[in-house]
């Protein structure tokens, strides 16, 4: 029998046999390896806890890339190539390891473009809290030129919504913006007049964003703003507390 559209007498190609048990076993082993070698479980639980309390839970995929300097080899002799002036081997930076990790971001550290539906959102942002020294070392900028405060007691000039860590060290808010329109990752902060860093898409994901659609609760049909369950019964809780306090006072 000939294959559809093929020459008469041509053999029919055999369809590959899919073993569901092996596929399930591979997936199970991948999940177990991820849980054992990363903080996937901890970050996943933290995102769910945020969702239950604040109606917004989000986790972000991050890639940790490790590089090393190795000598450039001659493609024919496979021997190192030496710099004729210094006599030292010519070095190049190569990637030796890539690790994907899931990191939870608190609901207050996540931002997105105001839209009616998630499919219309063109950018998302993640807030990082970094010291002046960390910012200057990572992004190679001088915050002093922007008039940034260096007093460790004030928590930084731009520290609205600062975490508890600011009680013992100065930190500044750095927002990591993922812009789907340009497929760029941009770091910005109010402590610096210009962008700190702008790079092309580092992950190459189909949907670009480094996070799935956030877990959101009680959304309106025309607004992408989550609302926790507590807001619907807050007045009842306040009344119960007031009555309970009165009963306690009478007793």
C-alpha atoms as a PDB file:
ATOM      1  CA  UNK A   1       0.000   0.000   0.000  1.00  0.00           C
ATOM      2  CA  UNK A   2       1.350   3.410  -0.943  1.00  0.00           C
ATOM      3  CA  UNK A   3       1.601   6.289   1.480  1.00  0.00           C
ATOM      4  CA  UNK A   4      -0.905   9.147   0.911  1.00  0.00           C
ATOM      5  CA  UNK A   5       0.542  11.410  -1.776  1.00  0.00           C
ATOM      6  CA  UNK A   6       3.487   9.073  -2.302  1.00  0.00           C
ATOM      7  CA  UNK A   7       4.585   6.869  -5.163  1.00  0.00           C
ATOM      8  CA  UNK A   8       2.770   3.551  -5.626  1.00  0.00           C
ATOM      9  CA  UNK A   9       4.460   0.780  -3.743  1.00  0.00           C
ATOM     10  CA  UNK A  10       6.385   3.137  -1.435  1.00  0.00           C
ATOM     11  CA  UNK A  11       6.503   1.866   2.150  1.00  0.00           C
ATOM     12  CA  UNK A  12       4.270   3.552   4.691  1.00  0.00           C
ATOM     13  CA  UNK A  13       6.397   5.375   7.303  1.00  0.00           C
ATOM     14  CA  UNK A  14       5.943   3.975  10.754  1.00  0.00           C
ATOM     15  CA  UNK A  15       4.573   6.322  13.374  1.00  0.00           C
ATOM     16  CA  UNK A  16       6.817   6.617  16.436  1.00  0.00           C
ATOM     17  CA  UNK A  17       5.464   4.817  19.458  1.00  0.00           C
ATOM     18  CA  UNK A  18       5.018   7.092  22.467  1.00  0.00           C
ATOM     19  CA  UNK A  19       5.464   5.448  25.833  1.00  0.00           C
ATOM     20  CA  UNK A  20       3.319   7.445  28.264  1.00  0.00           C
ATOM     21  CA  UNK A  21       4.928   5.766  31.249  1.00  0.00           C
ATOM     22  CA  UNK A  22       8.407   6.895  30.220  1.00  0.00           C
ATOM     23  CA  UNK A  23       7.189  10.426  29.580  1.00  0.00           C
ATOM     24  CA  UNK A  24       5.545  10.574  33.006  1.00  0.00           C
ATOM     25  CA  UNK A  25       8.693   9.169  34.602  1.00  0.00           C
ATOM     26  CA  UNK A  26      10.892  11.805  32.908  1.00  0.00           C
ATOM     27  CA  UNK A  27       8.591  14.611  34.051  1.00  0.00           C
ATOM     28  CA  UNK A  28       8.511  13.246  37.591  1.00  0.00           C
ATOM     29  CA  UNK A  29      12.297  13.008  37.750  1.00  0.00           C
ATOM     30  CA  UNK A  30      12.664  16.553  36.383  1.00  0.00           C
ATOM     31  CA  UNK A  31      10.290  17.888  39.052  1.00  0.00           C
ATOM     32  CA  UNK A  32      12.072  16.009  41.842  1.00  0.00           C
ATOM     33  CA  UNK A  33      15.483  17.232  40.637  1.00  0.00           C
ATOM     34  CA  UNK A  34      14.233  20.824  40.528  1.00  0.00           C
ATOM     35  CA  UNK A  35      12.788  20.610  44.050  1.00  0.00           C
ATOM     36  CA  UNK A  36      15.939  18.977  45.434  1.00  0.00           C
ATOM     37  CA  UNK A  37      18.469  21.336  43.850  1.00  0.00           C
ATOM     38  CA  UNK A  38      16.630  24.691  43.934  1.00  0.00           C
ATOM     39  CA  UNK A  39      14.277  26.658  46.194  1.00  0.00           C
ATOM     40  CA  UNK A  40      11.370  25.979  43.833  1.00  0.00           C
ATOM     41  CA  UNK A  41       9.123  24.641  46.610  1.00  0.00           C
ATOM     42  CA  UNK A  42       9.778  27.565  48.979  1.00  0.00           C
ATOM     43  CA  UNK A  43       9.225  30.222  46.320  1.00  0.00           C
ATOM     44  CA  UNK A  44       6.117  28.451  45.032  1.00  0.00           C
ATOM     45  CA  UNK A  45       4.562  28.364  48.515  1.00  0.00           C
ATOM     46  CA  UNK A  46       5.421  32.050  49.049  1.00  0.00           C
ATOM     47  CA  UNK A  47       3.651  33.006  45.807  1.00  0.00           C
ATOM     48  CA  UNK A  48       0.566  31.017  46.803  1.00  0.00           C
ATOM     49  CA  UNK A  49       0.528  32.627  50.275  1.00  0.00           C
ATOM     50  CA  UNK A  50       0.634  36.076  48.671  1.00  0.00           C
ATOM     51  CA  UNK A  51      -2.259  35.067  46.421  1.00  0.00           C
ATOM     52  CA  UNK A  52      -4.395  33.883  49.342  1.00  0.00           C
ATOM     53  CA  UNK A  53      -3.787  37.021  51.429  1.00  0.00           C
ATOM     54  CA  UNK A  54      -3.464  39.847  48.897  1.00  0.00           C
ATOM     55  CA  UNK A  55      -5.093  38.273  45.785  1.00  0.00           C
ATOM     56  CA  UNK A  56      -1.815  38.621  43.848  1.00  0.00           C
ATOM     57  CA  UNK A  57       0.862  35.954  43.611  1.00  0.00           C
ATOM     58  CA  UNK A  58       3.797  36.021  41.208  1.00  0.00           C
ATOM     59  CA  UNK A  59       7.071  34.168  40.682  1.00  0.00           C
ATOM     60  CA  UNK A  60       9.789  34.949  38.148  1.00  0.00           C
ATOM     61  CA  UNK A  61      12.098  32.673  36.171  1.00  0.00           C
ATOM     62  CA  UNK A  62      15.722  33.751  36.519  1.00  0.00           C
ATOM     63  CA  UNK A  63      18.772  32.399  34.725  1.00  0.00           C
ATOM     64  CA  UNK A  64      22.090  32.195  36.548  1.00  0.00           C
ATOM     65  CA  UNK A  65      24.926  32.183  34.012  1.00  0.00           C
ATOM     66  CA  UNK A  66      28.470  31.321  35.057  1.00  0.00           C
ATOM     67  CA  UNK A  67      31.367  32.172  32.772  1.00  0.00           C
ATOM     68  CA  UNK A  68      35.072  31.416  32.754  1.00  0.00           C
ATOM     69  CA  UNK A  69      38.069  32.788  30.879  1.00  0.00           C
ATOM     70  CA  UNK A  70      39.730  30.159  28.685  1.00  0.00           C
ATOM     71  CA  UNK A  71      42.515  30.497  26.076  1.00  0.00           C
ATOM     72  CA  UNK A  72      41.568  30.815  22.409  1.00  0.00           C
ATOM     73  CA  UNK A  73      42.661  27.667  20.536  1.00  0.00           C
ATOM     74  CA  UNK A  74      43.957  27.415  16.993  1.00  0.00           C
ATOM     75  CA  UNK A  75      41.241  25.573  15.041  1.00  0.00           C
ATOM     76  CA  UNK A  76      43.852  23.472  13.210  1.00  0.00           C
ATOM     77  CA  UNK A  77      46.465  22.639  15.836  1.00  0.00           C
ATOM     78  CA  UNK A  78      44.163  23.035  18.861  1.00  0.00           C
ATOM     79  CA  UNK A  79      47.000  24.892  20.592  1.00  0.00           C
ATOM     80  CA  UNK A  80      46.536  28.194  22.472  1.00  0.00           C
ATOM     81  CA  UNK A  81      47.013  31.376  20.463  1.00  0.00           C
ATOM     82  CA  UNK A  82      49.503  33.841  21.999  1.00  0.00           C
ATOM     83  CA  UNK A  83      49.440  37.619  21.817  1.00  0.00           C
ATOM     84  CA  UNK A  84      52.569  38.650  19.842  1.00  0.00           C
ATOM     85  CA  UNK A  85      53.025  41.790  21.944  1.00  0.00           C
ATOM     86  CA  UNK A  86      52.579  40.467  25.475  1.00  0.00           C
ATOM     87  CA  UNK A  87      53.393  36.838  24.845  1.00  0.00           C
ATOM     88  CA  UNK A  88      50.375  35.842  26.951  1.00  0.00           C
ATOM     89  CA  UNK A  89      47.639  33.481  25.707  1.00  0.00           C
ATOM     90  CA  UNK A  90      44.632  35.216  24.141  1.00  0.00           C
ATOM     91  CA  UNK A  91      41.688  34.647  26.476  1.00  0.00           C
ATOM     92  CA  UNK A  92      37.955  34.539  25.806  1.00  0.00           C
ATOM     93  CA  UNK A  93      34.953  34.348  28.093  1.00  0.00           C
ATOM     94  CA  UNK A  94      32.759  31.265  27.636  1.00  0.00           C
ATOM     95  CA  UNK A  95      29.610  30.078  29.387  1.00  0.00           C
ATOM     96  CA  UNK A  96      30.329  27.066  31.602  1.00  0.00           C
ATOM     97  CA  UNK A  97      26.974  26.688  33.336  1.00  0.00           C
ATOM     98  CA  UNK A  98      23.377  27.890  33.045  1.00  0.00           C
ATOM     99  CA  UNK A  99      20.834  27.387  35.818  1.00  0.00           C
ATOM    100  CA  UNK A 100      17.150  28.305  35.751  1.00  0.00           C
ATOM    101  CA  UNK A 101      15.533  29.177  39.055  1.00  0.00           C
ATOM    102  CA  UNK A 102      12.088  30.255  40.230  1.00  0.00           C
ATOM    103  CA  UNK A 103      12.084  33.320  42.507  1.00  0.00           C
ATOM    104  CA  UNK A 104       9.111  34.686  44.389  1.00  0.00           C
ATOM    105  CA  UNK A 105       8.474  38.431  44.347  1.00  0.00           C
ATOM    106  CA  UNK A 106       6.238  40.020  46.948  1.00  0.00           C
ATOM    107  CA  UNK A 107       3.006  41.529  45.649  1.00  0.00           C
ATOM    108  CA  UNK A 108       4.377  45.008  46.410  1.00  0.00           C
ATOM    109  CA  UNK A 109       7.452  44.351  44.222  1.00  0.00           C
ATOM    110  CA  UNK A 110       5.547  43.511  41.041  1.00  0.00           C
ATOM    111  CA  UNK A 111       4.265  46.051  38.510  1.00  0.00           C
ATOM    112  CA  UNK A 112       2.433  45.755  35.195  1.00  0.00           C
ATOM    113  CA  UNK A 113       0.942  47.959  32.518  1.00  0.00           C
ATOM    114  CA  UNK A 114      -2.675  48.947  33.345  1.00  0.00           C
ATOM    115  CA  UNK A 115      -4.854  47.111  30.843  1.00  0.00           C
ATOM    116  CA  UNK A 116      -8.204  45.360  30.657  1.00  0.00           C
ATOM    117  CA  UNK A 117      -6.797  41.889  29.935  1.00  0.00           C
ATOM    118  CA  UNK A 118      -3.424  40.289  30.608  1.00  0.00           C
ATOM    119  CA  UNK A 119      -2.950  39.572  26.898  1.00  0.00           C
ATOM    120  CA  UNK A 120      -2.792  43.357  26.327  1.00  0.00           C
ATOM    121  CA  UNK A 121      -0.032  43.988  28.867  1.00  0.00           C
ATOM    122  CA  UNK A 122       3.174  45.031  27.091  1.00  0.00           C
ATOM    123  CA  UNK A 123       5.500  45.472  30.071  1.00  0.00           C
ATOM    124  CA  UNK A 124       6.031  44.141  33.585  1.00  0.00           C
ATOM    125  CA  UNK A 125       8.424  45.282  36.304  1.00  0.00           C
ATOM    126  CA  UNK A 126      10.137  43.761  39.330  1.00  0.00           C
ATOM    127  CA  UNK A 127      11.463  45.897  42.188  1.00  0.00           C
ATOM    128  CA  UNK A 128      14.878  45.117  43.668  1.00  0.00           C
ATOM    129  CA  UNK A 129      16.313  46.708  46.823  1.00  0.00           C
ATOM    130  CA  UNK A 130      20.036  47.297  46.485  1.00  0.00           C
ATOM    131  CA  UNK A 131      22.680  49.243  48.349  1.00  0.00           C
ATOM    132  CA  UNK A 132      24.564  52.111  46.719  1.00  0.00           C
ATOM    133  CA  UNK A 133      27.672  49.944  46.470  1.00  0.00           C
ATOM    134  CA  UNK A 134      25.767  47.041  44.887  1.00  0.00           C
ATOM    135  CA  UNK A 135      24.250  49.331  42.246  1.00  0.00           C
ATOM    136  CA  UNK A 136      27.585  50.908  41.362  1.00  0.00           C
ATOM    137  CA  UNK A 137      29.359  47.534  41.182  1.00  0.00           C
ATOM    138  CA  UNK A 138      26.704  45.807  39.052  1.00  0.00           C
ATOM    139  CA  UNK A 139      25.824  48.629  36.667  1.00  0.00           C
ATOM    140  CA  UNK A 140      29.138  50.564  36.628  1.00  0.00           C
ATOM    141  CA  UNK A 141      27.572  53.929  37.489  1.00  0.00           C
ATOM    142  CA  UNK A 142      28.352  56.680  39.988  1.00  0.00           C
ATOM    143  CA  UNK A 143      25.291  57.514  42.086  1.00  0.00           C
ATOM    144  CA  UNK A 144      27.105  60.389  43.785  1.00  0.00           C
ATOM    145  CA  UNK A 145      26.901  62.333  40.533  1.00  0.00           C
ATOM    146  CA  UNK A 146      23.092  62.171  40.788  1.00  0.00           C
ATOM    147  CA  UNK A 147      23.062  63.707  44.252  1.00  0.00           C
ATOM    148  CA  UNK A 148      22.173  60.413  45.928  1.00  0.00           C
ATOM    149  CA  UNK A 149      22.267  60.406  49.695  1.00  0.00           C
ATOM    150  CA  UNK A 150      25.037  58.315  51.211  1.00  0.00           C
ATOM    151  CA  UNK A 151      23.829  58.525  54.802  1.00  0.00           C
ATOM    152  CA  UNK A 152      23.126  54.997  56.042  1.00  0.00           C
ATOM    153  CA  UNK A 153      20.639  56.339  58.595  1.00  0.00           C
ATOM    154  CA  UNK A 154      18.064  57.725  56.170  1.00  0.00           C
ATOM    155  CA  UNK A 155      17.571  54.601  54.037  1.00  0.00           C
ATOM    156  CA  UNK A 156      18.280  56.445  50.820  1.00  0.00           C
ATOM    157  CA  UNK A 157      16.503  59.376  49.226  1.00  0.00           C
ATOM    158  CA  UNK A 158      14.379  57.107  47.059  1.00  0.00           C
ATOM    159  CA  UNK A 159      13.221  54.416  49.465  1.00  0.00           C
ATOM    160  CA  UNK A 160       9.430  54.640  49.428  1.00  0.00           C
ATOM    161  CA  UNK A 161       7.970  51.366  50.643  1.00  0.00           C
ATOM    162  CA  UNK A 162      11.389  50.366  51.883  1.00  0.00           C
ATOM    163  CA  UNK A 163      11.791  46.905  53.466  1.00  0.00           C
ATOM    164  CA  UNK A 164      12.896  46.195  57.011  1.00  0.00           C
ATOM    165  CA  UNK A 165      16.476  45.866  55.762  1.00  0.00           C
ATOM    166  CA  UNK A 166      16.648  49.648  55.509  1.00  0.00           C
ATOM    167  CA  UNK A 167      16.695  49.831  59.290  1.00  0.00           C
ATOM    168  CA  UNK A 168      20.320  48.779  59.300  1.00  0.00           C
ATOM    169  CA  UNK A 169      21.583  49.712  55.835  1.00  0.00           C
ATOM    170  CA  UNK A 170      20.806  52.127  53.039  1.00  0.00           C
ATOM    171  CA  UNK A 171      18.941  50.642  50.092  1.00  0.00           C
ATOM    172  CA  UNK A 172      17.523  52.029  46.863  1.00  0.00           C
ATOM    173  CA  UNK A 173      14.694  50.732  44.710  1.00  0.00           C
ATOM    174  CA  UNK A 174      15.836  49.438  41.310  1.00  0.00           C
ATOM    175  CA  UNK A 175      13.058  48.379  38.932  1.00  0.00           C
ATOM    176  CA  UNK A 176      13.737  45.689  36.330  1.00  0.00           C
ATOM    177  CA  UNK A 177      11.382  46.364  33.402  1.00  0.00           C
ATOM    178  CA  UNK A 178      10.668  43.767  30.702  1.00  0.00           C
ATOM    179  CA  UNK A 179       9.345  45.597  27.623  1.00  0.00           C
ATOM    180  CA  UNK A 180       7.651  43.208  25.197  1.00  0.00           C
ATOM    181  CA  UNK A 181       7.319  45.856  22.470  1.00  0.00           C
ATOM    182  CA  UNK A 182      11.100  46.217  22.107  1.00  0.00           C
ATOM    183  CA  UNK A 183      11.964  42.823  23.670  1.00  0.00           C
ATOM    184  CA  UNK A 184      14.427  44.504  26.007  1.00  0.00           C
ATOM    185  CA  UNK A 185      15.167  44.284  29.711  1.00  0.00           C
ATOM    186  CA  UNK A 186      15.734  47.705  31.275  1.00  0.00           C
ATOM    187  CA  UNK A 187      16.941  48.604  34.779  1.00  0.00           C
ATOM    188  CA  UNK A 188      15.935  52.028  36.127  1.00  0.00           C
ATOM    189  CA  UNK A 189      16.015  53.831  39.471  1.00  0.00           C
ATOM    190  CA  UNK A 190      15.063  57.278  40.697  1.00  0.00           C
ATOM    191  CA  UNK A 191      18.520  57.550  42.222  1.00  0.00           C
ATOM    192  CA  UNK A 192      20.079  57.821  38.740  1.00  0.00           C
ATOM    193  CA  UNK A 193      19.129  60.201  35.933  1.00  0.00           C
ATOM    194  CA  UNK A 194      19.640  57.679  33.110  1.00  0.00           C
ATOM    195  CA  UNK A 195      18.813  54.001  32.694  1.00  0.00           C
ATOM    196  CA  UNK A 196      21.182  51.745  34.598  1.00  0.00           C
ATOM    197  CA  UNK A 197      21.248  49.008  31.963  1.00  0.00           C
ATOM    198  CA  UNK A 198      19.426  48.044  28.769  1.00  0.00           C
ATOM    199  CA  UNK A 199      19.913  44.607  27.215  1.00  0.00           C
ATOM    200  CA  UNK A 200      18.235  42.474  24.563  1.00  0.00           C
ATOM    201  CA  UNK A 201      15.958  39.586  25.520  1.00  0.00           C
ATOM    202  CA  UNK A 202      18.178  37.386  27.755  1.00  0.00           C
ATOM    203  CA  UNK A 203      15.878  34.329  27.930  1.00  0.00           C
ATOM    204  CA  UNK A 204      14.436  34.086  24.411  1.00  0.00           C
ATOM    205  CA  UNK A 205      11.032  32.908  25.617  1.00  0.00           C
ATOM    206  CA  UNK A 206       8.096  32.799  23.217  1.00  0.00           C
ATOM    207  CA  UNK A 207       5.953  35.117  25.354  1.00  0.00           C
ATOM    208  CA  UNK A 208       9.014  37.175  26.391  1.00  0.00           C
ATOM    209  CA  UNK A 209       7.928  37.822  29.998  1.00  0.00           C
ATOM    210  CA  UNK A 210      10.031  35.935  32.578  1.00  0.00           C
ATOM    211  CA  UNK A 211       6.895  35.037  34.537  1.00  0.00           C
ATOM    212  CA  UNK A 212       3.568  33.362  33.778  1.00  0.00           C
ATOM    213  CA  UNK A 213       0.322  35.248  34.143  1.00  0.00           C
ATOM    214  CA  UNK A 214       0.187  36.243  37.822  1.00  0.00           C
ATOM    215  CA  UNK A 215      -2.350  34.614  40.086  1.00  0.00           C
ATOM    216  CA  UNK A 216      -5.054  37.282  40.478  1.00  0.00           C
ATOM    217  CA  UNK A 217      -8.330  37.103  42.388  1.00  0.00           C
ATOM    218  CA  UNK A 218     -11.642  38.974  42.050  1.00  0.00           C
ATOM    219  CA  UNK A 219     -10.806  40.840  38.848  1.00  0.00           C
ATOM    220  CA  UNK A 220     -13.320  43.241  37.344  1.00  0.00           C
ATOM    221  CA  UNK A 221     -14.353  42.660  33.713  1.00  0.00           C
ATOM    222  CA  UNK A 222     -12.799  45.971  32.668  1.00  0.00           C
ATOM    223  CA  UNK A 223      -9.808  46.311  34.989  1.00  0.00           C
ATOM    224  CA  UNK A 224      -6.738  44.187  35.717  1.00  0.00           C
ATOM    225  CA  UNK A 225      -6.565  45.015  39.442  1.00  0.00           C
ATOM    226  CA  UNK A 226      -6.867  42.131  41.937  1.00  0.00           C
ATOM    227  CA  UNK A 227      -8.929  42.506  45.095  1.00  0.00           C
ATOM    228  CA  UNK A 228      -8.488  40.280  48.180  1.00  0.00           C
ATOM    229  CA  UNK A 229     -11.458  38.472  49.699  1.00  0.00           C
ATOM    230  CA  UNK A 230     -10.976  40.368  52.961  1.00  0.00           C
ATOM    231  CA  UNK A 231     -12.197  43.613  51.414  1.00  0.00           C
ATOM    232  CA  UNK A 232     -15.657  42.081  50.886  1.00  0.00           C
ATOM    233  CA  UNK A 233     -16.131  41.176  54.546  1.00  0.00           C
ATOM    234  CA  UNK A 234     -13.960  43.793  56.275  1.00  0.00           C
ATOM    235  CA  UNK A 235     -16.963  45.629  57.762  1.00  0.00           C
ATOM    236  CA  UNK A 236     -18.255  42.364  59.256  1.00  0.00           C
ATOM    237  CA  UNK A 237     -14.904  41.643  60.904  1.00  0.00           C
ATOM    238  CA  UNK A 238     -14.762  45.180  62.338  1.00  0.00           C
ATOM    239  CA  UNK A 239     -18.264  44.793  63.792  1.00  0.00           C
ATOM    240  CA  UNK A 240     -17.420  41.392  65.298  1.00  0.00           C
ATOM    241  CA  UNK A 241     -14.288  42.812  66.920  1.00  0.00           C
ATOM    242  CA  UNK A 242     -16.236  45.768  68.351  1.00  0.00           C
ATOM    243  CA  UNK A 243     -18.907  43.496  69.834  1.00  0.00           C
ATOM    244  CA  UNK A 244     -16.304  41.097  71.226  1.00  0.00           C
ATOM    245  CA  UNK A 245     -14.482  44.007  72.912  1.00  0.00           C
ATOM    246  CA  UNK A 246     -17.732  45.218  74.470  1.00  0.00           C
ATOM    247  CA  UNK A 247     -18.529  41.729  75.815  1.00  0.00           C
ATOM    248  CA  UNK A 248     -15.038  41.495  77.269  1.00  0.00           C
ATOM    249  CA  UNK A 249     -15.397  44.923  78.932  1.00  0.00           C
ATOM    250  CA  UNK A 250     -18.786  43.983  80.486  1.00  0.00           C
ATOM    251  CA  UNK A 251     -17.425  40.712  81.798  1.00  0.00           C
END
